[in-house]
């Protein structure tokens, strides 16, 4: 999956430091940013299904939920 990320309002000093660091590692600034992101996220554990499900439940708490059978019935009736 190829994605794009734009970073706006960059400090010129930070950009210059990034370019120097990239040159020192023999990479483009873009490749250096990819490596910085990869390295910074490498130590973070991915949440498991149970954690993600609990997060979703807490985000949707108090909202009205339409049962799946109702949604299926509506979809069939719309045909």
C-alpha atoms as a PDB file:
ATOM      1  CA  UNK A   1       0.000   0.000   0.000  1.00  0.00           C
ATOM      2  CA  UNK A   2       1.566   3.237  -1.124  1.00  0.00           C
ATOM      3  CA  UNK A   3       0.462   6.396   0.649  1.00  0.00           C
ATOM      4  CA  UNK A   4       1.487  10.008   0.711  1.00  0.00           C
ATOM      5  CA  UNK A   5       2.004  12.296   3.686  1.00  0.00           C
ATOM      6  CA  UNK A   6       2.502  16.058   3.533  1.00  0.00           C
ATOM      7  CA  UNK A   7       4.079  17.973   6.384  1.00  0.00           C
ATOM      8  CA  UNK A   8       3.235  21.662   6.380  1.00  0.00           C
ATOM      9  CA  UNK A   9       4.688  24.597   8.303  1.00  0.00           C
ATOM     10  CA  UNK A  10       8.103  23.016   8.659  1.00  0.00           C
ATOM     11  CA  UNK A  11      10.761  24.950  10.509  1.00  0.00           C
ATOM     12  CA  UNK A  12      13.586  25.791   8.061  1.00  0.00           C
ATOM     13  CA  UNK A  13      16.206  24.779  10.639  1.00  0.00           C
ATOM     14  CA  UNK A  14      14.558  21.373  11.065  1.00  0.00           C
ATOM     15  CA  UNK A  15      14.448  20.861   7.305  1.00  0.00           C
ATOM     16  CA  UNK A  16      18.135  21.742   7.022  1.00  0.00           C
ATOM     17  CA  UNK A  17      19.030  19.344   9.840  1.00  0.00           C
ATOM     18  CA  UNK A  18      16.979  16.614   8.162  1.00  0.00           C
ATOM     19  CA  UNK A  19      18.789  17.147   4.868  1.00  0.00           C
ATOM     20  CA  UNK A  20      22.204  16.982   6.592  1.00  0.00           C
ATOM     21  CA  UNK A  21      21.209  13.809   8.410  1.00  0.00           C
ATOM     22  CA  UNK A  22      19.912  12.264   5.177  1.00  0.00           C
ATOM     23  CA  UNK A  23      23.144  13.099   3.369  1.00  0.00           C
ATOM     24  CA  UNK A  24      25.175  11.576   6.192  1.00  0.00           C
ATOM     25  CA  UNK A  25      23.204   8.339   5.784  1.00  0.00           C
ATOM     26  CA  UNK A  26      23.372   8.435   1.974  1.00  0.00           C
ATOM     27  CA  UNK A  27      19.606   8.834   1.606  1.00  0.00           C
ATOM     28  CA  UNK A  28      17.183  11.364   0.227  1.00  0.00           C
ATOM     29  CA  UNK A  29      15.335  13.538   2.726  1.00  0.00           C
ATOM     30  CA  UNK A  30      12.166  11.569   1.956  1.00  0.00           C
ATOM     31  CA  UNK A  31      13.891   8.241   2.615  1.00  0.00           C
ATOM     32  CA  UNK A  32      15.316   9.661   5.846  1.00  0.00           C
ATOM     33  CA  UNK A  33      11.843  10.688   7.018  1.00  0.00           C
ATOM     34  CA  UNK A  34      10.561   7.171   6.244  1.00  0.00           C
ATOM     35  CA  UNK A  35      13.392   5.679   8.306  1.00  0.00           C
ATOM     36  CA  UNK A  36      12.791   8.082  11.210  1.00  0.00           C
ATOM     37  CA  UNK A  37       9.081   7.175  11.257  1.00  0.00           C
ATOM     38  CA  UNK A  38       9.798   3.443  10.981  1.00  0.00           C
ATOM     39  CA  UNK A  39      12.360   3.536  13.791  1.00  0.00           C
ATOM     40  CA  UNK A  40      10.209   5.660  16.079  1.00  0.00           C
ATOM     41  CA  UNK A  41       7.208   3.346  15.711  1.00  0.00           C
ATOM     42  CA  UNK A  42       9.154   0.061  15.790  1.00  0.00           C
ATOM     43  CA  UNK A  43       9.065  -0.131  19.589  1.00  0.00           C
ATOM     44  CA  UNK A  44       5.314   0.353  19.872  1.00  0.00           C
ATOM     45  CA  UNK A  45       3.257  -2.795  20.276  1.00  0.00           C
ATOM     46  CA  UNK A  46       0.312  -3.227  17.934  1.00  0.00           C
ATOM     47  CA  UNK A  47      -2.957  -3.447  19.867  1.00  0.00           C
ATOM     48  CA  UNK A  48      -4.690  -6.815  19.797  1.00  0.00           C
ATOM     49  CA  UNK A  49      -8.245  -7.458  18.651  1.00  0.00           C
ATOM     50  CA  UNK A  50      -9.644  -7.292  22.191  1.00  0.00           C
ATOM     51  CA  UNK A  51      -8.033  -3.884  22.764  1.00  0.00           C
ATOM     52  CA  UNK A  52      -9.326  -2.527  19.448  1.00  0.00           C
ATOM     53  CA  UNK A  53     -12.824  -3.882  20.144  1.00  0.00           C
ATOM     54  CA  UNK A  54     -12.851  -2.270  23.596  1.00  0.00           C
ATOM     55  CA  UNK A  55     -11.739   1.041  22.084  1.00  0.00           C
ATOM     56  CA  UNK A  56     -14.517   0.863  19.483  1.00  0.00           C
ATOM     57  CA  UNK A  57     -17.103   0.062  22.153  1.00  0.00           C
ATOM     58  CA  UNK A  58     -16.005   3.050  24.226  1.00  0.00           C
ATOM     59  CA  UNK A  59     -16.078   5.333  21.164  1.00  0.00           C
ATOM     60  CA  UNK A  60     -19.631   4.290  20.289  1.00  0.00           C
ATOM     61  CA  UNK A  61     -21.043   4.084  23.804  1.00  0.00           C
ATOM     62  CA  UNK A  62     -24.449   5.725  24.078  1.00  0.00           C
ATOM     63  CA  UNK A  63     -25.083   5.741  20.327  1.00  0.00           C
ATOM     64  CA  UNK A  64     -28.083   4.084  18.751  1.00  0.00           C
ATOM     65  CA  UNK A  65     -27.078   0.901  16.924  1.00  0.00           C
ATOM     66  CA  UNK A  66     -29.105  -0.635  14.114  1.00  0.00           C
ATOM     67  CA  UNK A  67     -29.151  -4.439  14.303  1.00  0.00           C
ATOM     68  CA  UNK A  68     -27.535  -6.163  11.322  1.00  0.00           C
ATOM     69  CA  UNK A  69     -30.746  -7.985  10.424  1.00  0.00           C
ATOM     70  CA  UNK A  70     -32.515  -4.641   9.970  1.00  0.00           C
ATOM     71  CA  UNK A  71     -29.768  -3.368   7.712  1.00  0.00           C
ATOM     72  CA  UNK A  72     -29.894  -6.562   5.642  1.00  0.00           C
ATOM     73  CA  UNK A  73     -33.673  -6.346   5.362  1.00  0.00           C
ATOM     74  CA  UNK A  74     -33.461  -2.717   4.227  1.00  0.00           C
ATOM     75  CA  UNK A  75     -30.844  -3.624   1.627  1.00  0.00           C
ATOM     76  CA  UNK A  76     -32.979  -6.487   0.283  1.00  0.00           C
ATOM     77  CA  UNK A  77     -36.098  -4.301   0.166  1.00  0.00           C
ATOM     78  CA  UNK A  78     -34.223  -1.591  -1.728  1.00  0.00           C
ATOM     79  CA  UNK A  79     -33.477  -3.951  -4.638  1.00  0.00           C
END
